[in-house]
């Protein structure tokens, strides 16, 4: 599934774009920011497929943010959503995927979403079988070769990730996004920017605030949240 980031400081515009994406596509909005600097910090540690950028945003404007993103080794598609026509030439010099003017036109956005998903389908992702069945975790200066089906869930902790297994808590010495890239896509799900879970280890789904959920995992007392931005995909996966 395509993962998207929205950077938009106008609440109504952000909500409208979110609604259109969630209604007319299978694109997963993993994060949304009002501030360009906050978005850039997030992108330094998290991989996404699409960045929807307004241009007039605080701290770092959308054009400068796009120039920084353009330097990434693996570049997400950049889509500008703005009220300003005059930046279109600069946008396409940065190889932007599209440039949409506000107020947003629903049919125009639907067409864009279809193009994004079609472009993703044309790419050749690494086969699932290429992902290893084990991950190397550390504890007490020892490396533990861990079967992925022993993992219950993981929690981001600054620059490392705490991984909860059948034998206790271990450390993955990289970000939670990098851990997700090592785990089988069909078995693990990013419920929150700070959490991912083994879907087969869910014991109980508890309704929570703002139509979200808390998850109880088998054999563990801790609960794992499902964020609002990930709730739609979680319901699809769990057939709720």
Protein backbone atom coordinates (compact mmCIF):
# COMPACT_ATOMS: atom_id res chain seq x y z
CA UNK A 1 0.00 0.00 0.00
CA UNK A 2 1.20 3.49 -0.84
CA UNK A 3 2.14 5.63 2.16
CA UNK A 4 1.52 9.37 2.04
CA UNK A 5 2.41 12.47 4.04
CA UNK A 6 0.36 15.69 4.06
CA UNK A 7 1.93 19.06 4.88
CA UNK A 8 -0.80 21.70 5.08
CA UNK A 9 -1.27 24.43 7.70
CA UNK A 10 -4.92 25.18 6.89
CA UNK A 11 -7.13 22.82 8.89
CA UNK A 12 -10.07 22.73 6.46
CA UNK A 13 -7.83 22.19 3.43
CA UNK A 14 -6.00 19.39 5.25
CA UNK A 15 -9.27 17.72 6.25
CA UNK A 16 -10.67 17.99 2.72
CA UNK A 17 -7.56 16.43 1.16
CA UNK A 18 -7.56 13.68 3.77
CA UNK A 19 -11.21 12.92 3.06
CA UNK A 20 -10.64 12.69 -0.70
CA UNK A 21 -7.61 10.43 -0.33
CA UNK A 22 -9.34 8.10 2.14
CA UNK A 23 -12.58 7.99 0.11
CA UNK A 24 -11.23 7.56 -3.41
CA UNK A 25 -8.00 5.61 -3.00
CA UNK A 26 -6.17 2.93 -1.02
CA UNK A 27 -3.40 5.36 -0.17
CA UNK A 28 -2.53 5.31 3.53
CA UNK A 29 -1.92 8.70 5.17
CA UNK A 30 0.80 7.91 7.69
CA UNK A 31 1.37 11.47 8.97
CA UNK A 32 0.16 15.05 8.60
CA UNK A 33 1.95 18.25 9.60
CA UNK A 34 1.26 21.99 9.65
CA UNK A 35 4.95 22.91 9.75
CA UNK A 36 7.58 22.21 7.09
CA UNK A 37 10.42 21.66 9.56
CA UNK A 38 8.42 19.06 11.50
CA UNK A 39 7.67 17.27 8.25
CA UNK A 40 11.34 17.30 7.23
CA UNK A 41 12.37 15.79 10.59
CA UNK A 42 9.80 13.04 10.10
CA UNK A 43 11.04 12.31 6.58
CA UNK A 44 14.61 11.89 7.77
CA UNK A 45 13.57 8.76 9.67
CA UNK A 46 10.50 7.51 7.80
CA UNK A 47 10.07 6.33 4.24
CA UNK A 48 6.97 7.40 2.30
CA UNK A 49 5.76 7.09 -1.28
CA UNK A 50 3.92 10.41 -1.73
CA UNK A 51 4.28 13.88 -0.21
CA UNK A 52 1.32 16.26 -0.59
CA UNK A 53 2.80 19.71 0.00
CA UNK A 54 1.26 23.13 0.40
CA UNK A 55 3.74 25.90 -0.47
CA UNK A 56 2.93 28.61 2.07
CA UNK A 57 3.65 26.75 5.34
CA UNK A 58 5.58 27.78 8.48
CA UNK A 59 9.33 27.28 9.15
CA UNK A 60 10.30 25.72 5.81
CA UNK A 61 8.04 26.55 2.86
CA UNK A 62 6.80 23.75 0.64
CA UNK A 63 9.17 24.56 -2.22
CA UNK A 64 12.26 24.43 0.01
CA UNK A 65 10.98 21.23 1.61
CA UNK A 66 10.53 19.73 -1.86
CA UNK A 67 14.11 20.68 -2.81
CA UNK A 68 15.36 18.80 0.24
CA UNK A 69 13.18 15.78 -0.56
CA UNK A 70 14.50 15.87 -4.12
CA UNK A 71 17.97 15.08 -2.75
CA UNK A 72 16.83 11.81 -1.15
CA UNK A 73 18.24 8.60 -2.62
CA UNK A 74 14.71 7.20 -2.77
CA UNK A 75 12.44 10.08 -3.72
CA UNK A 76 8.72 10.01 -2.96
CA UNK A 77 6.30 11.43 -5.51
CA UNK A 78 5.75 15.13 -4.74
CA UNK A 79 2.30 16.65 -5.27
CA UNK A 80 1.88 20.36 -4.64
CA UNK A 81 -1.52 21.56 -3.42
CA UNK A 82 -1.49 25.33 -3.42
CA UNK A 83 -3.44 28.49 -4.25
CA UNK A 84 -0.45 29.96 -6.10
CA UNK A 85 -0.03 29.40 -9.84
CA UNK A 86 3.35 31.12 -10.09
CA UNK A 87 5.31 28.24 -8.58
CA UNK A 88 4.31 25.70 -11.23
CA UNK A 89 7.50 26.02 -13.29
CA UNK A 90 9.70 25.59 -10.20
CA UNK A 91 7.62 22.59 -9.18
CA UNK A 92 8.16 20.71 -12.39
CA UNK A 93 11.87 21.52 -12.37
CA UNK A 94 11.85 19.48 -9.17
CA UNK A 95 10.12 16.67 -11.10
CA UNK A 96 6.92 17.06 -9.12
CA UNK A 97 4.32 14.41 -9.95
CA UNK A 98 1.54 17.00 -10.10
CA UNK A 99 0.55 20.55 -9.15
CA UNK A 100 -3.04 21.08 -8.01
CA UNK A 101 -4.56 24.47 -7.33
CA UNK A 102 -6.82 25.24 -4.39
CA UNK A 103 -9.71 25.27 -3.86
CA UNK A 104 -9.46 21.57 -4.67
CA UNK A 105 -11.58 20.16 -7.46
CA UNK A 106 -12.85 16.72 -6.47
CA UNK A 107 -12.64 15.18 -9.95
CA UNK A 108 -9.18 16.60 -10.47
CA UNK A 109 -7.99 15.04 -7.21
CA UNK A 110 -9.62 11.68 -8.04
CA UNK A 111 -7.79 11.66 -11.37
CA UNK A 112 -4.52 12.40 -9.59
CA UNK A 113 -5.07 9.58 -7.09
CA UNK A 114 -5.74 7.15 -9.91
CA UNK A 115 -2.50 8.21 -11.61
CA UNK A 116 -0.51 7.77 -8.41
CA UNK A 117 -1.83 4.26 -7.85
CA UNK A 118 -1.26 3.32 -11.49
CA UNK A 119 2.33 4.58 -11.29
CA UNK A 120 2.88 2.47 -8.18
CA UNK A 121 1.54 -0.66 -9.89
CA UNK A 122 4.00 -0.17 -12.76
CA UNK A 123 6.93 -0.35 -10.36
CA UNK A 124 8.46 -3.72 -9.53
CA UNK A 125 8.66 -4.17 -5.76
CA UNK A 126 11.00 -6.71 -4.27
CA UNK A 127 9.23 -10.09 -3.98
CA UNK A 128 7.96 -10.99 -0.52
CA UNK A 129 10.07 -14.13 -0.55
CA UNK A 130 13.17 -11.91 -0.65
CA UNK A 131 12.48 -10.69 2.88
CA UNK A 132 14.35 -12.71 5.51
CA UNK A 133 12.47 -14.88 8.00
CA UNK A 134 14.67 -13.67 10.84
CA UNK A 135 15.86 -10.32 12.18
CA UNK A 136 18.90 -9.62 14.33
CA UNK A 137 18.02 -8.05 17.68
CA UNK A 138 20.30 -7.10 20.58
CA UNK A 139 20.20 -7.37 24.35
CA UNK A 140 22.99 -7.17 26.91
CA UNK A 141 25.59 -6.77 24.13
CA UNK A 142 24.48 -10.02 22.51
CA UNK A 143 22.89 -10.48 19.11
CA UNK A 144 19.79 -12.68 19.01
CA UNK A 145 18.70 -14.12 15.66
CA UNK A 146 14.92 -13.88 16.01
CA UNK A 147 12.24 -15.58 13.93
CA UNK A 148 9.80 -12.91 12.71
CA UNK A 149 6.81 -14.96 13.89
CA UNK A 150 8.14 -14.64 17.46
CA UNK A 151 7.61 -10.88 17.35
CA UNK A 152 4.43 -9.54 18.97
CA UNK A 153 4.90 -5.83 18.39
CA UNK A 154 7.51 -3.09 18.20
CA UNK A 155 7.69 0.42 19.65
CA UNK A 156 9.84 3.28 18.37
CA UNK A 157 12.26 4.65 20.99
CA UNK A 158 14.27 7.61 19.66
CA UNK A 159 16.77 6.19 17.13
CA UNK A 160 16.20 2.52 17.98
CA UNK A 161 13.15 0.26 18.23
CA UNK A 162 12.05 -1.89 21.16
CA UNK A 163 10.84 -5.27 19.91
CA UNK A 164 8.56 -7.37 22.12
CA UNK A 165 8.99 -11.13 21.55
CA UNK A 166 8.04 -14.42 23.13
CA UNK A 167 11.27 -14.22 25.16
CA UNK A 168 11.13 -10.62 26.29
CA UNK A 169 12.10 -7.19 24.98
CA UNK A 170 15.01 -6.77 22.55
CA UNK A 171 16.39 -3.83 20.60
CA UNK A 172 16.51 -3.30 16.85
CA UNK A 173 19.32 -0.75 16.29
CA UNK A 174 17.39 1.20 13.65
CA UNK A 175 14.10 3.02 13.15
CA UNK A 176 10.69 1.37 13.18
CA UNK A 177 10.32 2.16 9.47
CA UNK A 178 13.50 0.23 8.72
CA UNK A 179 12.22 -2.65 10.84
CA UNK A 180 8.98 -2.73 8.84
CA UNK A 181 11.01 -3.07 5.64
CA UNK A 182 12.55 -6.27 7.07
CA UNK A 183 9.24 -7.84 8.15
CA UNK A 184 6.69 -9.72 5.98
CA UNK A 185 4.25 -7.14 4.63
CA UNK A 186 1.20 -9.40 4.91
CA UNK A 187 1.85 -10.28 8.57
CA UNK A 188 2.79 -6.94 10.14
CA UNK A 189 0.98 -3.60 10.23
CA UNK A 190 2.00 -0.08 11.26
CA UNK A 191 -0.81 0.88 13.64
CA UNK A 192 0.74 4.20 14.66
CA UNK A 193 3.84 6.22 13.81
CA UNK A 194 5.46 4.67 16.90
CA UNK A 195 4.06 1.12 16.76
CA UNK A 196 3.83 -1.90 14.49
CA UNK A 197 2.20 -5.23 15.31
CA UNK A 198 2.12 -8.87 14.31
CA UNK A 199 -1.50 -9.25 13.16
CA UNK A 200 -1.58 -12.89 14.26
CA UNK A 201 -0.73 -11.91 17.85
CA UNK A 202 -3.80 -9.71 18.45
CA UNK A 203 -5.94 -11.06 21.29
CA UNK A 204 -8.52 -8.30 21.70
CA UNK A 205 -9.62 -5.15 19.84
CA UNK A 206 -10.93 -2.51 22.25
CA UNK A 207 -12.95 0.50 20.94
CA UNK A 208 -11.24 3.72 22.05
CA UNK A 209 -11.56 7.49 21.77
CA UNK A 210 -12.34 9.20 18.44
CA UNK A 211 -13.44 5.90 16.83
CA UNK A 212 -9.97 4.36 17.23
CA UNK A 213 -8.86 1.15 18.95
CA UNK A 214 -6.50 -0.17 21.58
CA UNK A 215 -5.12 -3.65 20.94
CA UNK A 216 -4.37 -6.32 23.52
CA UNK A 217 -1.69 -8.74 22.40
CA UNK A 218 -1.56 -12.45 23.26
CA UNK A 219 0.49 -13.29 26.38
CA UNK A 220 1.26 -9.60 27.09
CA UNK A 221 -0.28 -6.98 29.38
CA UNK A 222 0.64 -3.95 27.27
CA UNK A 223 -1.84 -2.33 24.91
CA UNK A 224 -1.02 -0.93 21.46
CA UNK A 225 -2.88 2.05 19.92
CA UNK A 226 -4.27 2.34 16.41
CA UNK A 227 -4.04 5.95 15.21
CA UNK A 228 -6.85 7.70 13.32
CA UNK A 229 -4.77 7.91 10.15
CA UNK A 230 -4.36 4.11 10.10
CA UNK A 231 -7.82 3.09 11.25
CA UNK A 232 -9.34 2.62 7.78
CA UNK A 233 -6.68 0.18 6.61
CA UNK A 234 -6.73 -1.66 9.97
CA UNK A 235 -10.48 -2.23 9.67
CA UNK A 236 -10.00 -3.58 6.16
CA UNK A 237 -7.29 -5.97 7.30
CA UNK A 238 -9.31 -7.20 10.27
CA UNK A 239 -12.61 -7.20 8.33
CA UNK A 240 -14.27 -4.93 10.89
